[in-house]
Amino acid sequence: MPMQLYAHPFSSYSQKALIALYENGTPFKYRFLGPEDESTLAEWMALWPIKRFPVLVDGGRTVMEATIIIEYLGLHHPGPTRLIPEDADAALDVRMMDRFFDNYVMIPMQKIVFNSIRPEEARDAYGVDEARTMLDTAYHWLNGRMADREWAAGNGFSLADCAAAPSLFYADWVHPITEDFAHLRAYRQQLLARPSFARAVDEARPYRPLFPLGAPDRD
């Protein structure tokens, strides 16, 4: 039986795991999490009561969290694209960048989005300002880092880029990456041109009307 991935195509963390699967052509069964399929939702909630996705099931093993799923795939289902380098120091840099994109781009981006769907009386303007400041700081640092490299952790596409692609994709919708950050904008475009991420973006297109802040007419 092929692996099963419980995910939604418009979810940033689902896309992160999907990029890794598509990058290596890894066989899996896509278990789409939508309100119209109550049985699949029930399976997913039984597997992971925290109710976050993606979740990977491989035989009798259940793997949660996109980063750990990608680590698991590298260990048990490796493909031609090695997403975590064999060299320990290089792998450390990849993992650091993975955490950077999740913690300092994805989380503040999501804070702004989630705030927009709260009841008006429960919204957190101060928290949104903090999130935008964090994104500006992250953009500035990333722009300098990407000035002299092709990918986030060097010359090879890696776990770090799987994290970067959806986080920068949605962050630019929420808090635009301005022309002042030319290297970062170029990197975002390079990620969009990567076939594995382009596939994930195309699969998510039908769900763009669901974006709470309104999806821009681009990308």
C-alpha atoms as a PDB file:
ATOM      1  CA  MET A   1       0.000   0.000   0.000  1.00  0.00           C
ATOM      2  CA  PRO A   2       1.420   3.450  -0.880  1.00  0.00           C
ATOM      3  CA  MET A   3       1.967   6.064   1.768  1.00  0.00           C
ATOM      4  CA  GLN A   4      -1.009   8.280   2.537  1.00  0.00           C
ATOM      5  CA  LEU A   5      -0.779  12.034   3.029  1.00  0.00           C
ATOM      6  CA  TYR A   6      -3.647  13.777   4.799  1.00  0.00           C
ATOM      7  CA  ALA A   7      -3.461  17.334   3.548  1.00  0.00           C
ATOM      8  CA  HIS A   8      -5.178  20.256   1.817  1.00  0.00           C
ATOM      9  CA  PRO A   9      -3.667  21.847  -1.315  1.00  0.00           C
ATOM     10  CA  PHE A  10      -4.165  25.437  -0.089  1.00  0.00           C
ATOM     11  CA  SER A  11      -2.411  24.772   3.223  1.00  0.00           C
ATOM     12  CA  SER A  12       1.112  26.183   3.400  1.00  0.00           C
ATOM     13  CA  TYR A  13       2.444  23.336   5.520  1.00  0.00           C
ATOM     14  CA  SER A  14       0.757  20.773   3.279  1.00  0.00           C
ATOM     15  CA  GLN A  15       2.513  22.374   0.323  1.00  0.00           C
ATOM     16  CA  LYS A  16       5.815  22.115   2.155  1.00  0.00           C
ATOM     17  CA  ALA A  17       5.472  18.331   2.400  1.00  0.00           C
ATOM     18  CA  LEU A  18       4.025  18.027  -1.097  1.00  0.00           C
ATOM     19  CA  ILE A  19       7.063  19.776  -2.585  1.00  0.00           C
ATOM     20  CA  ALA A  20       9.298  17.077  -1.107  1.00  0.00           C
ATOM     21  CA  LEU A  21       7.086  14.294  -2.462  1.00  0.00           C
ATOM     22  CA  TYR A  22       6.830  15.867  -5.924  1.00  0.00           C
ATOM     23  CA  GLU A  23      10.533  16.700  -6.031  1.00  0.00           C
ATOM     24  CA  ASN A  24      11.411  13.002  -5.921  1.00  0.00           C
ATOM     25  CA  GLY A  25       8.342  11.539  -7.604  1.00  0.00           C
ATOM     26  CA  THR A  26       7.573   9.609  -4.414  1.00  0.00           C
ATOM     27  CA  PRO A  27       4.393   7.501  -4.733  1.00  0.00           C
ATOM     28  CA  PHE A  28       1.663   8.359  -2.245  1.00  0.00           C
ATOM     29  CA  LYS A  29      -2.102   8.529  -1.929  1.00  0.00           C
ATOM     30  CA  TYR A  30      -3.458  12.052  -1.431  1.00  0.00           C
ATOM     31  CA  ARG A  31      -6.076  12.006   1.347  1.00  0.00           C
ATOM     32  CA  PHE A  32      -7.830  15.300   0.684  1.00  0.00           C
ATOM     33  CA  LEU A  33      -9.115  17.013   3.822  1.00  0.00           C
ATOM     34  CA  GLY A  34     -12.315  18.824   2.923  1.00  0.00           C
ATOM     35  CA  PRO A  35     -15.709  19.235   4.596  1.00  0.00           C
ATOM     36  CA  GLU A  36     -17.370  17.142   1.902  1.00  0.00           C
ATOM     37  CA  ASP A  37     -15.473  14.000   2.976  1.00  0.00           C
ATOM     38  CA  GLU A  38     -16.420  13.381   6.582  1.00  0.00           C
ATOM     39  CA  SER A  39     -14.886   9.899   6.731  1.00  0.00           C
ATOM     40  CA  THR A  40     -11.413  11.144   5.734  1.00  0.00           C
ATOM     41  CA  LEU A  41     -11.687  13.970   8.246  1.00  0.00           C
ATOM     42  CA  ALA A  42     -12.620  11.479  10.950  1.00  0.00           C
ATOM     43  CA  GLU A  43      -9.607   9.286  10.079  1.00  0.00           C
ATOM     44  CA  TRP A  44      -7.291  12.280  10.254  1.00  0.00           C
ATOM     45  CA  MET A  45      -8.656  13.481  13.603  1.00  0.00           C
ATOM     46  CA  ALA A  46      -8.298   9.984  15.040  1.00  0.00           C
ATOM     47  CA  LEU A  47      -4.674   9.884  13.880  1.00  0.00           C
ATOM     48  CA  TRP A  48      -3.821  13.349  15.199  1.00  0.00           C
ATOM     49  CA  PRO A  49      -6.256  14.910  17.698  1.00  0.00           C
ATOM     50  CA  ILE A  50      -4.275  18.178  17.557  1.00  0.00           C
ATOM     51  CA  LYS A  51      -6.042  18.604  14.165  1.00  0.00           C
ATOM     52  CA  ARG A  52      -3.134  19.984  12.188  1.00  0.00           C
ATOM     53  CA  PHE A  53      -1.960  18.853   8.789  1.00  0.00           C
ATOM     54  CA  PRO A  54      -0.182  17.391   6.929  1.00  0.00           C
ATOM     55  CA  VAL A  55      -0.065  13.901   8.425  1.00  0.00           C
ATOM     56  CA  LEU A  56       1.749  11.044   6.682  1.00  0.00           C
ATOM     57  CA  VAL A  57       0.845   7.383   7.195  1.00  0.00           C
ATOM     58  CA  ASP A  58       3.342   4.769   6.031  1.00  0.00           C
ATOM     59  CA  GLY A  59       2.241   1.264   6.876  1.00  0.00           C
ATOM     60  CA  GLY A  60       1.755   1.223  10.622  1.00  0.00           C
ATOM     61  CA  ARG A  61       3.655   4.449  11.224  1.00  0.00           C
ATOM     62  CA  THR A  62       2.103   7.896  11.511  1.00  0.00           C
ATOM     63  CA  VAL A  63       4.321  10.943  11.002  1.00  0.00           C
ATOM     64  CA  MET A  64       3.231  14.459  11.958  1.00  0.00           C
ATOM     65  CA  GLU A  65       4.631  17.905  11.087  1.00  0.00           C
ATOM     66  CA  ALA A  66       5.895  18.864   7.631  1.00  0.00           C
ATOM     67  CA  THR A  67       9.562  19.111   8.589  1.00  0.00           C
ATOM     68  CA  ILE A  68       9.537  15.699  10.244  1.00  0.00           C
ATOM     69  CA  ILE A  69       7.682  14.215   7.260  1.00  0.00           C
ATOM     70  CA  ILE A  70      10.448  15.462   4.961  1.00  0.00           C
ATOM     71  CA  GLU A  71      13.106  14.093   7.309  1.00  0.00           C
ATOM     72  CA  TYR A  72      11.247  10.754   7.345  1.00  0.00           C
ATOM     73  CA  LEU A  73      11.029  10.632   3.566  1.00  0.00           C
ATOM     74  CA  GLY A  74      14.780  11.210   3.307  1.00  0.00           C
ATOM     75  CA  LEU A  75      15.451   8.316   5.666  1.00  0.00           C
ATOM     76  CA  HIS A  76      12.929   5.768   4.420  1.00  0.00           C
ATOM     77  CA  HIS A  77      11.983   6.828   0.861  1.00  0.00           C
ATOM     78  CA  PRO A  78      15.011   8.659  -0.564  1.00  0.00           C
ATOM     79  CA  GLY A  79      14.971   9.924  -4.117  1.00  0.00           C
ATOM     80  CA  PRO A  80      17.351  11.641  -6.534  1.00  0.00           C
ATOM     81  CA  THR A  81      17.011  15.031  -4.801  1.00  0.00           C
ATOM     82  CA  ARG A  82      18.625  14.792  -1.392  1.00  0.00           C
ATOM     83  CA  LEU A  83      16.754  17.385   0.666  1.00  0.00           C
ATOM     84  CA  ILE A  84      18.967  17.080   3.752  1.00  0.00           C
ATOM     85  CA  PRO A  85      22.716  16.928   3.019  1.00  0.00           C
ATOM     86  CA  GLU A  86      24.764  13.997   4.201  1.00  0.00           C
ATOM     87  CA  ASP A  87      27.423  16.354   5.545  1.00  0.00           C
ATOM     88  CA  ALA A  88      26.476  17.190   9.137  1.00  0.00           C
ATOM     89  CA  ASP A  89      27.508  20.860   9.021  1.00  0.00           C
ATOM     90  CA  ALA A  90      25.649  21.448   5.761  1.00  0.00           C
ATOM     91  CA  ALA A  91      22.607  19.657   7.184  1.00  0.00           C
ATOM     92  CA  LEU A  92      22.720  21.939  10.228  1.00  0.00           C
ATOM     93  CA  ASP A  93      22.530  25.003   7.973  1.00  0.00           C
ATOM     94  CA  VAL A  94      19.578  23.495   6.091  1.00  0.00           C
ATOM     95  CA  ARG A  95      17.727  22.793   9.335  1.00  0.00           C
ATOM     96  CA  MET A  96      18.446  26.293  10.642  1.00  0.00           C
ATOM     97  CA  MET A  97      16.964  27.839   7.512  1.00  0.00           C
ATOM     98  CA  ASP A  98      13.971  25.532   7.738  1.00  0.00           C
ATOM     99  CA  ARG A  99      13.306  26.847  11.239  1.00  0.00           C
ATOM    100  CA  PHE A 100      13.889  30.425  10.083  1.00  0.00           C
ATOM    101  CA  PHE A 101      11.196  30.226   7.421  1.00  0.00           C
ATOM    102  CA  ASP A 102       8.718  28.493   9.712  1.00  0.00           C
ATOM    103  CA  ASN A 103       9.296  30.726  12.753  1.00  0.00           C
ATOM    104  CA  TYR A 104      10.034  34.147  11.277  1.00  0.00           C
ATOM    105  CA  VAL A 105       8.084  34.143   8.001  1.00  0.00           C
ATOM    106  CA  MET A 106       5.308  31.539   8.229  1.00  0.00           C
ATOM    107  CA  ILE A 107       4.209  32.240  11.810  1.00  0.00           C
ATOM    108  CA  PRO A 108       3.957  36.053  11.537  1.00  0.00           C
ATOM    109  CA  MET A 109       2.242  35.693   8.148  1.00  0.00           C
ATOM    110  CA  GLN A 110      -0.325  33.341   9.675  1.00  0.00           C
ATOM    111  CA  LYS A 111      -0.813  35.648  12.653  1.00  0.00           C
ATOM    112  CA  ILE A 112      -1.953  38.405  10.298  1.00  0.00           C
ATOM    113  CA  VAL A 113      -4.248  36.045   8.375  1.00  0.00           C
ATOM    114  CA  PHE A 114      -5.816  34.480  11.470  1.00  0.00           C
ATOM    115  CA  ASN A 115      -6.372  37.898  13.007  1.00  0.00           C
ATOM    116  CA  SER A 116      -8.437  38.899   9.982  1.00  0.00           C
ATOM    117  CA  ILE A 117     -10.957  36.086  10.573  1.00  0.00           C
ATOM    118  CA  ARG A 118     -11.458  36.788  14.268  1.00  0.00           C
ATOM    119  CA  PRO A 119     -14.548  38.666  15.442  1.00  0.00           C
ATOM    120  CA  GLU A 120     -13.767  42.354  15.214  1.00  0.00           C
ATOM    121  CA  GLU A 121     -13.886  42.830  18.981  1.00  0.00           C
ATOM    122  CA  ALA A 122     -11.244  40.099  19.439  1.00  0.00           C
ATOM    123  CA  ARG A 123      -8.719  41.379  16.926  1.00  0.00           C
ATOM    124  CA  ASP A 124      -5.168  42.162  17.985  1.00  0.00           C
ATOM    125  CA  ALA A 125      -3.857  45.267  16.202  1.00  0.00           C
ATOM    126  CA  TYR A 126      -0.727  45.341  18.344  1.00  0.00           C
ATOM    127  CA  GLY A 127       0.047  41.703  17.525  1.00  0.00           C
ATOM    128  CA  VAL A 128      -0.424  42.372  13.808  1.00  0.00           C
ATOM    129  CA  ASP A 129       2.001  45.305  13.991  1.00  0.00           C
ATOM    130  CA  GLU A 130       4.515  43.025  15.709  1.00  0.00           C
ATOM    131  CA  ALA A 131       4.054  40.406  12.986  1.00  0.00           C
ATOM    132  CA  ARG A 132       4.610  42.959  10.221  1.00  0.00           C
ATOM    133  CA  THR A 133       7.762  44.213  11.950  1.00  0.00           C
ATOM    134  CA  MET A 134       9.025  40.635  12.172  1.00  0.00           C
ATOM    135  CA  LEU A 135       8.362  40.103   8.468  1.00  0.00           C
ATOM    136  CA  ASP A 136      10.238  43.292   7.581  1.00  0.00           C
ATOM    137  CA  THR A 137      13.179  42.132   9.681  1.00  0.00           C
ATOM    138  CA  ALA A 138      13.094  38.663   8.140  1.00  0.00           C
ATOM    139  CA  TYR A 139      12.902  40.103   4.610  1.00  0.00           C
ATOM    140  CA  HIS A 140      15.898  42.338   5.254  1.00  0.00           C
ATOM    141  CA  TRP A 141      18.015  39.464   6.579  1.00  0.00           C
ATOM    142  CA  LEU A 142      16.962  37.088   3.816  1.00  0.00           C
ATOM    143  CA  ASN A 143      17.633  39.654   1.121  1.00  0.00           C
ATOM    144  CA  GLY A 144      21.248  39.901   2.255  1.00  0.00           C
ATOM    145  CA  ARG A 145      21.588  36.133   2.520  1.00  0.00           C
ATOM    146  CA  MET A 146      20.215  35.507  -0.966  1.00  0.00           C
ATOM    147  CA  ALA A 147      22.536  38.045  -2.599  1.00  0.00           C
ATOM    148  CA  ASP A 148      25.234  35.457  -3.272  1.00  0.00           C
ATOM    149  CA  ARG A 149      23.463  32.097  -3.355  1.00  0.00           C
ATOM    150  CA  GLU A 150      21.075  30.175  -5.559  1.00  0.00           C
ATOM    151  CA  TRP A 151      19.089  28.366  -2.855  1.00  0.00           C
ATOM    152  CA  ALA A 152      18.419  29.094   0.812  1.00  0.00           C
ATOM    153  CA  ALA A 153      21.174  26.847   2.152  1.00  0.00           C
ATOM    154  CA  GLY A 154      23.626  26.947  -0.743  1.00  0.00           C
ATOM    155  CA  ASN A 155      23.738  25.490  -4.247  1.00  0.00           C
ATOM    156  CA  GLY A 156      21.333  22.581  -3.804  1.00  0.00           C
ATOM    157  CA  PHE A 157      17.554  22.566  -3.427  1.00  0.00           C
ATOM    158  CA  SER A 158      16.790  21.337   0.096  1.00  0.00           C
ATOM    159  CA  LEU A 159      14.381  21.111   3.003  1.00  0.00           C
ATOM    160  CA  ALA A 160      15.059  24.824   3.541  1.00  0.00           C
ATOM    161  CA  ASP A 161      13.585  25.630   0.127  1.00  0.00           C
ATOM    162  CA  CYS A 162      10.572  23.391   0.784  1.00  0.00           C
ATOM    163  CA  ALA A 163       9.936  25.632   3.798  1.00  0.00           C
ATOM    164  CA  ALA A 164      10.738  28.850   1.957  1.00  0.00           C
ATOM    165  CA  ALA A 165       8.408  28.324  -0.997  1.00  0.00           C
ATOM    166  CA  PRO A 166       4.965  28.409   0.669  1.00  0.00           C
ATOM    167  CA  SER A 167       6.030  30.803   3.431  1.00  0.00           C
ATOM    168  CA  LEU A 168       7.326  33.447   1.007  1.00  0.00           C
ATOM    169  CA  PHE A 169       4.479  32.771  -1.422  1.00  0.00           C
ATOM    170  CA  TYR A 170       1.786  33.649   1.109  1.00  0.00           C
ATOM    171  CA  ALA A 171       3.845  36.220   3.050  1.00  0.00           C
ATOM    172  CA  ASP A 172       4.141  38.371  -0.065  1.00  0.00           C
ATOM    173  CA  TRP A 173       0.342  38.318  -0.368  1.00  0.00           C
ATOM    174  CA  VAL A 174      -0.035  39.450   3.236  1.00  0.00           C
ATOM    175  CA  HIS A 175       2.927  41.835   3.606  1.00  0.00           C
ATOM    176  CA  PRO A 176       4.434  42.570   0.173  1.00  0.00           C
ATOM    177  CA  ILE A 177       8.117  41.973  -0.459  1.00  0.00           C
ATOM    178  CA  THR A 178       8.973  45.378  -1.893  1.00  0.00           C
ATOM    179  CA  GLU A 179      11.444  46.232  -4.636  1.00  0.00           C
ATOM    180  CA  ASP A 180      13.956  47.159  -1.922  1.00  0.00           C
ATOM    181  CA  PHE A 181      14.420  43.406  -1.441  1.00  0.00           C
ATOM    182  CA  ALA A 182      15.439  42.546  -4.994  1.00  0.00           C
ATOM    183  CA  HIS A 183      17.404  39.393  -4.111  1.00  0.00           C
ATOM    184  CA  LEU A 184      14.535  38.002  -2.048  1.00  0.00           C
ATOM    185  CA  ARG A 185      11.999  38.788  -4.780  1.00  0.00           C
ATOM    186  CA  ALA A 186      14.202  36.984  -7.317  1.00  0.00           C
ATOM    187  CA  TYR A 187      14.468  33.976  -5.010  1.00  0.00           C
ATOM    188  CA  ARG A 188      10.681  33.854  -4.603  1.00  0.00           C
ATOM    189  CA  GLN A 189      10.302  33.835  -8.393  1.00  0.00           C
ATOM    190  CA  GLN A 190      12.878  31.076  -8.666  1.00  0.00           C
ATOM    191  CA  LEU A 191      10.887  28.985  -6.189  1.00  0.00           C
ATOM    192  CA  LEU A 192       7.702  29.547  -8.215  1.00  0.00           C
ATOM    193  CA  ALA A 193       9.525  28.240 -11.296  1.00  0.00           C
ATOM    194  CA  ARG A 194      10.585  25.021  -9.558  1.00  0.00           C
ATOM    195  CA  PRO A 195       8.355  22.269 -11.024  1.00  0.00           C
ATOM    196  CA  SER A 196       7.607  20.673  -7.645  1.00  0.00           C
ATOM    197  CA  PHE A 197       6.347  23.944  -6.169  1.00  0.00           C
ATOM    198  CA  ALA A 198       4.667  25.071  -9.394  1.00  0.00           C
ATOM    199  CA  ARG A 199       2.603  21.880  -9.238  1.00  0.00           C
ATOM    200  CA  ALA A 200       1.584  22.571  -5.636  1.00  0.00           C
ATOM    201  CA  VAL A 201       0.633  26.161  -6.524  1.00  0.00           C
ATOM    202  CA  ASP A 202      -1.468  25.026  -9.487  1.00  0.00           C
ATOM    203  CA  GLU A 203      -3.294  22.436  -7.380  1.00  0.00           C
ATOM    204  CA  ALA A 204      -4.190  25.176  -4.899  1.00  0.00           C
ATOM    205  CA  ARG A 205      -5.516  27.694  -7.457  1.00  0.00           C
ATOM    206  CA  PRO A 206      -9.187  26.661  -7.160  1.00  0.00           C
ATOM    207  CA  TYR A 207      -9.117  27.559  -3.454  1.00  0.00           C
ATOM    208  CA  ARG A 208      -7.791  31.111  -3.772  1.00  0.00           C
ATOM    209  CA  PRO A 209     -11.220  32.668  -3.123  1.00  0.00           C
ATOM    210  CA  LEU A 210     -10.947  31.193   0.396  1.00  0.00           C
ATOM    211  CA  PHE A 211      -7.962  33.397   1.306  1.00  0.00           C
ATOM    212  CA  PRO A 212      -9.303  35.675   4.066  1.00  0.00           C
ATOM    213  CA  LEU A 213      -7.415  38.796   2.967  1.00  0.00           C
ATOM    214  CA  GLY A 214      -8.171  38.305  -0.729  1.00  0.00           C
ATOM    215  CA  ALA A 215      -5.696  36.624  -3.043  1.00  0.00           C
ATOM    216  CA  PRO A 216      -3.906  39.020  -5.418  1.00  0.00           C
ATOM    217  CA  ASP A 217      -4.366  38.535  -9.142  1.00  0.00           C
ATOM    218  CA  ARG A 218      -0.844  37.232  -9.747  1.00  0.00           C
ATOM    219  CA  ASP A 219       1.463  34.273  -9.131  1.00  0.00           C
END
